Protein backbone atom coordinates (compact mmCIF):
# COMPACT_ATOMS: atom_id res chain seq x y z
CA MET A 1 -9.48 22.31 15.12
CA THR A 2 -13.24 20.64 16.51
CA ILE A 3 -14.16 17.04 16.14
CA TYR A 4 -16.68 18.27 12.92
CA GLY A 5 -13.79 20.38 11.38
CA TRP A 6 -11.28 17.12 11.56
CA MET A 7 -14.17 14.78 9.93
CA ALA A 8 -14.26 16.95 7.64
CA ALA A 9 -10.92 17.14 6.58
CA VAL A 10 -10.21 13.62 6.55
CA LEU A 11 -13.32 13.03 3.96
CA ILE A 12 -11.44 15.76 2.11
CA ILE A 13 -8.18 13.89 2.30
CA ALA A 14 -10.07 10.50 1.55
CA VAL A 15 -11.59 12.02 -1.59
CA GLY A 16 -8.20 13.56 -2.84
CA ALA A 17 -6.16 10.57 -2.19
CA ALA A 18 -8.57 8.69 -4.53
CA VAL A 19 -8.15 10.73 -7.03
CA GLN A 20 -4.23 10.90 -6.79
CA GLY A 21 -4.26 7.21 -6.58
CA SER A 22 -6.35 6.77 -9.32
CA VAL A 23 -4.62 9.19 -11.73
CA GLY A 24 -1.68 10.07 -10.56
CA PHE A 25 -2.06 13.96 -8.65
CA GLY A 26 -5.23 15.50 -7.17
CA LEU A 27 -5.21 15.65 -4.03
CA GLY A 28 -3.20 19.31 -3.43
CA VAL A 29 -6.10 19.79 -6.25
CA VAL A 30 -9.11 18.88 -4.23
CA GLY A 31 -7.84 19.41 -0.75
CA ALA A 32 -5.88 22.32 -0.36
CA PRO A 33 -8.44 24.79 -0.95
CA ILE A 34 -11.14 23.55 1.06
CA LEU A 35 -8.11 22.71 4.11
CA ILE A 36 -7.34 25.97 4.30
CA LEU A 37 -10.68 27.22 5.26
CA ILE A 38 -11.23 24.41 7.79
CA GLU A 39 -7.90 24.97 9.37
CA PRO A 40 -5.22 27.11 7.83
CA ARG A 41 -2.29 25.11 9.52
CA LEU A 42 -3.15 22.32 7.44
CA VAL A 43 -1.94 23.65 4.07
CA PRO A 44 1.18 23.23 3.09
CA GLY A 45 3.26 21.45 5.23
CA PRO A 46 0.74 18.87 6.88
CA ILE A 47 -1.10 17.89 3.36
CA LEU A 48 2.86 17.75 1.84
CA LEU A 49 3.54 15.01 4.31
CA ASP A 50 0.22 13.04 3.93
CA ALA A 51 1.07 13.52 0.13
CA LEU A 52 4.12 12.15 0.20
CA LEU A 53 2.84 9.05 2.32
CA LEU A 54 0.46 8.45 -0.48
CA THR A 55 3.09 9.00 -3.18
CA PHE A 56 4.92 6.48 -1.30
CA LEU A 57 2.14 3.72 -1.65
CA VAL A 58 1.09 4.30 -4.80
CA THR A 59 4.86 4.09 -6.23
CA VAL A 60 4.70 0.29 -4.32
CA ARG A 61 1.80 -0.53 -5.58
CA GLU A 62 2.28 0.67 -9.55
CA TRP A 63 6.42 -0.13 -9.20
CA ARG A 64 6.32 -2.00 -12.35
CA HIS A 65 5.07 0.32 -14.28
CA VAL A 66 7.25 3.36 -13.21
CA ARG A 67 9.59 4.32 -16.23
CA VAL A 68 12.59 5.19 -14.25
CA SER A 69 14.63 6.50 -17.50
CA ASP A 70 11.71 9.21 -17.40
CA LEU A 71 12.61 10.53 -14.28
CA GLY A 72 15.96 10.86 -14.84
CA TRP A 73 14.93 14.15 -17.28
CA SER A 74 11.90 15.11 -15.03
CA VAL A 75 13.13 15.42 -11.71
CA PRO A 76 16.05 18.19 -12.76
CA GLY A 77 13.03 19.63 -14.88
CA ARG A 78 11.79 19.88 -11.08
CA LEU A 79 14.69 21.08 -9.51
CA LEU A 80 15.36 23.53 -12.07
CA GLY A 81 11.38 24.87 -11.72
CA THR A 82 12.09 25.20 -7.95
CA VAL A 83 14.87 27.63 -8.28
CA LEU A 84 13.55 29.66 -10.98
CA ALA A 85 10.02 30.03 -8.70
CA VAL A 86 12.20 31.00 -5.53
CA TRP A 87 13.67 33.98 -7.73
CA ILE A 88 10.36 35.02 -9.39
CA LEU A 89 8.94 35.36 -6.01
CA LYS A 90 11.29 37.23 -4.84
CA VAL A 91 10.95 39.81 -7.58
CA VAL A 92 7.33 39.08 -8.02
CA PRO A 93 4.72 38.39 -4.70
CA ALA A 94 2.95 34.84 -5.29
CA ALA A 95 -0.79 36.78 -5.22
CA ARG A 96 0.03 38.41 -8.64
CA LEU A 97 1.51 35.21 -10.34
CA GLU A 98 -1.41 33.02 -9.29
CA PHE A 99 -4.26 34.61 -11.92
CA THR A 100 -1.25 34.16 -14.89
CA MET A 101 -0.56 30.79 -13.79
CA GLY A 102 -3.78 29.45 -13.39
CA LEU A 103 -4.79 30.55 -16.78
CA PHE A 104 -1.90 29.40 -18.04
CA MET A 105 -3.32 25.97 -16.59
CA LEU A 106 -6.45 26.30 -18.69
CA LEU A 107 -4.58 26.92 -21.60
CA ALA A 108 -2.78 24.06 -21.89
CA VAL A 109 -5.58 21.56 -20.83
CA ALA A 110 -7.83 23.44 -24.05
CA MET A 111 -4.44 22.84 -26.04
CA THR A 112 -4.04 19.35 -25.45
CA MET A 113 -7.93 18.82 -26.35
CA VAL A 114 -7.55 19.98 -29.52
CA GLY A 115 -3.92 20.28 -30.51
CA PRO A 116 -1.64 17.68 -31.49
CA ARG A 117 -0.58 15.05 -29.01
CA VAL A 118 3.27 15.92 -27.91
CA LYS A 119 5.21 13.10 -27.36
CA VAL A 120 6.89 11.80 -24.32
CA GLY A 121 10.59 12.35 -24.62
CA ARG A 122 13.69 14.21 -23.03
CA ARG A 123 12.48 17.67 -23.81
CA SER A 124 9.12 17.42 -22.89
CA LEU A 125 9.53 15.65 -19.69
CA PHE A 126 12.29 18.21 -19.06
CA GLY A 127 9.78 20.96 -19.89
CA ALA A 128 7.38 19.87 -18.21
CA GLY A 129 9.11 18.79 -14.71
CA THR A 130 9.77 22.59 -14.87
CA LEU A 131 7.00 24.05 -15.69
CA ALA A 132 5.38 21.77 -12.43
CA GLY A 133 7.93 22.69 -10.00
CA VAL A 134 7.61 26.63 -11.09
CA MET A 135 3.70 25.88 -10.25
CA SER A 136 4.04 23.61 -7.50
CA THR A 137 6.59 26.09 -5.70
CA ILE A 138 4.14 29.21 -6.60
CA THR A 139 0.53 27.89 -6.52
CA SER A 140 0.98 24.67 -4.22
CA MET A 141 -0.68 22.44 -7.38
CA GLY A 142 2.12 21.16 -9.55
CA GLY A 143 0.30 18.66 -10.97
CA PRO A 144 -1.07 19.27 -14.20
CA PRO A 145 1.79 20.24 -16.54
CA MET A 146 3.09 16.34 -15.97
CA ALA A 147 0.15 14.72 -15.82
CA LEU A 148 -1.04 16.20 -19.11
CA LEU A 149 1.85 15.13 -21.03
CA TYR A 150 1.17 11.29 -19.69
CA GLN A 151 -2.98 11.66 -20.50
CA HIS A 152 -2.74 9.12 -23.32
CA GLU A 153 -0.38 7.07 -21.52
CA GLU A 154 -1.47 3.71 -19.87
CA GLY A 155 -3.24 4.60 -16.67
CA ALA A 156 -0.94 2.61 -14.67
CA ARG A 157 2.36 4.16 -16.27
CA LEU A 158 0.77 7.76 -15.37
CA ARG A 159 -0.04 6.86 -11.77
CA GLY A 160 3.30 5.26 -11.14
CA THR A 161 5.42 7.64 -12.88
CA LEU A 162 3.71 10.57 -11.41
CA ALA A 163 3.74 9.14 -8.08
CA ALA A 164 7.67 8.77 -8.03
CA PHE A 165 7.99 12.02 -9.29
CA PHE A 166 6.26 13.43 -6.96
CA ALA A 167 7.93 11.80 -3.86
CA LEU A 168 11.01 13.33 -4.83
CA GLY A 169 9.53 16.81 -5.24
CA VAL A 170 7.66 16.78 -2.30
CA LEU A 171 11.07 15.95 -0.12
CA LEU A 172 12.06 19.19 -1.72
CA SER A 173 9.50 21.27 -0.39
CA LEU A 174 9.38 19.93 2.74
CA ALA A 175 13.10 20.40 3.02
CA GLY A 176 12.20 24.51 1.80
CA LEU A 177 9.29 24.66 4.43
CA ALA A 178 12.05 23.25 7.11
CA ALA A 179 14.54 25.78 5.92
CA VAL A 180 12.32 28.65 6.21
CA GLY A 181 10.81 27.01 9.70
CA ARG A 182 7.38 26.61 8.18
CA PHE A 183 7.71 22.74 9.15
CA GLY A 184 8.72 20.78 12.50
CA TRP A 185 6.58 18.79 14.92
CA VAL A 186 3.71 21.01 15.27
CA GLU A 187 3.08 20.04 10.97
CA VAL A 188 3.72 16.10 11.86
CA ARG A 189 1.12 16.13 14.52
CA LEU A 190 -1.13 17.93 12.11
CA ALA A 191 -0.24 15.61 9.14
CA GLY A 192 -1.29 12.49 11.52
CA LEU A 193 -4.54 13.39 12.34
CA LEU A 194 -5.68 13.27 8.33
CA LEU A 195 -3.94 10.29 7.94
CA PRO A 196 -7.23 8.16 8.21
CA GLY A 197 -7.98 9.99 5.25
CA VAL A 198 -4.87 8.85 2.87
CA LEU A 199 -5.21 5.37 3.96
CA LEU A 200 -8.72 5.52 3.20
CA GLY A 201 -8.69 7.20 -0.04
CA PHE A 202 -5.67 4.84 -0.87
CA ALA A 203 -7.31 2.00 -0.76
CA LEU A 204 -10.67 3.11 -2.43
CA SER A 205 -8.16 4.27 -5.56
CA ALA A 206 -7.44 0.38 -5.94
CA TRP A 207 -11.18 -0.06 -6.89
CA THR A 208 -11.51 3.47 -8.66
CA ALA A 209 -8.20 3.18 -10.68
CA ASP A 210 -9.16 -0.04 -12.31
CA ARG A 211 -12.32 1.33 -13.67
CA LEU A 212 -11.04 4.68 -14.96
CA ASP A 213 -8.14 2.74 -17.08
CA LYS A 214 -11.36 1.56 -19.02
CA ARG A 215 -10.70 4.78 -21.50
CA HIS A 216 -11.57 6.97 -18.86
CA THR A 217 -8.12 8.51 -17.68
CA ARG A 218 -7.71 11.31 -19.64
CA ALA A 219 -10.99 12.78 -19.24
CA VAL A 220 -9.98 12.58 -15.39
CA VAL A 221 -7.13 13.91 -15.83
CA LEU A 222 -8.43 17.04 -18.36
CA THR A 223 -11.14 17.85 -15.72
CA THR A 224 -8.74 17.90 -12.98
CA SER A 225 -6.24 20.26 -14.54
CA ALA A 226 -8.84 22.14 -15.30
CA VAL A 227 -10.54 22.48 -12.06
CA ALA A 228 -6.97 23.06 -10.53
CA GLY A 229 -6.65 26.17 -12.73
CA ALA A 230 -9.75 27.28 -12.32
CA ILE A 231 -8.68 27.70 -8.52
CA VAL A 232 -5.74 29.26 -8.88
CA VAL A 233 -7.35 31.78 -10.99
CA LEU A 234 -10.29 32.50 -7.96
CA LYS A 235 -7.15 32.84 -5.69
CA GLY A 236 -5.53 35.01 -8.09
CA LEU A 237 -8.52 37.26 -8.26
CA LEU A 238 -9.36 37.23 -4.80
């Protein structure tokens, strides 16, 4: 990777980290599609390791707003979703699933805009966690299901609880990549090269989150989720 490629990658990570630090997800949505063009080895291992650091930082910053009881239902769903996705991928190639998953994400955004509000409860948390596990494993973008569920909640609760949820999910993903030989010291080194972007984006998110909390959080969640869906649809078509 050239110096110019590194600078571009750090900038992209900074933007993605600022978005995720503000609304609870977005690093993968913003970063993965572009980073894979700059240097394919940056995805998925290195960006996941950077995401782990970012989610840890956000969790610490927003810890008083984390609903631990919510994690008791969403994390088991995430585990189930991961297992289901692994089974699905053994039967159907990922390329054939991405288009369908992308359309599903766009449909979910449309439904949340015009449909009734879904209450955050045991069933919805488990269901959203399961969908997040499936979509994260297949498309590497598992944020929208959980974010859409929390879109009406206070911004700090959205960021803190999603950060804690994704921190646990990323650990599962990294363990899976290591088990199949796709995560090691090379990926750790590449993740380290992107570290300045993570720290810069996290620092910026302290400023942007405060402004988004003023009645703009839901709009950003819906927009970012729609962008994620469109990206996955395009990946499925190409």
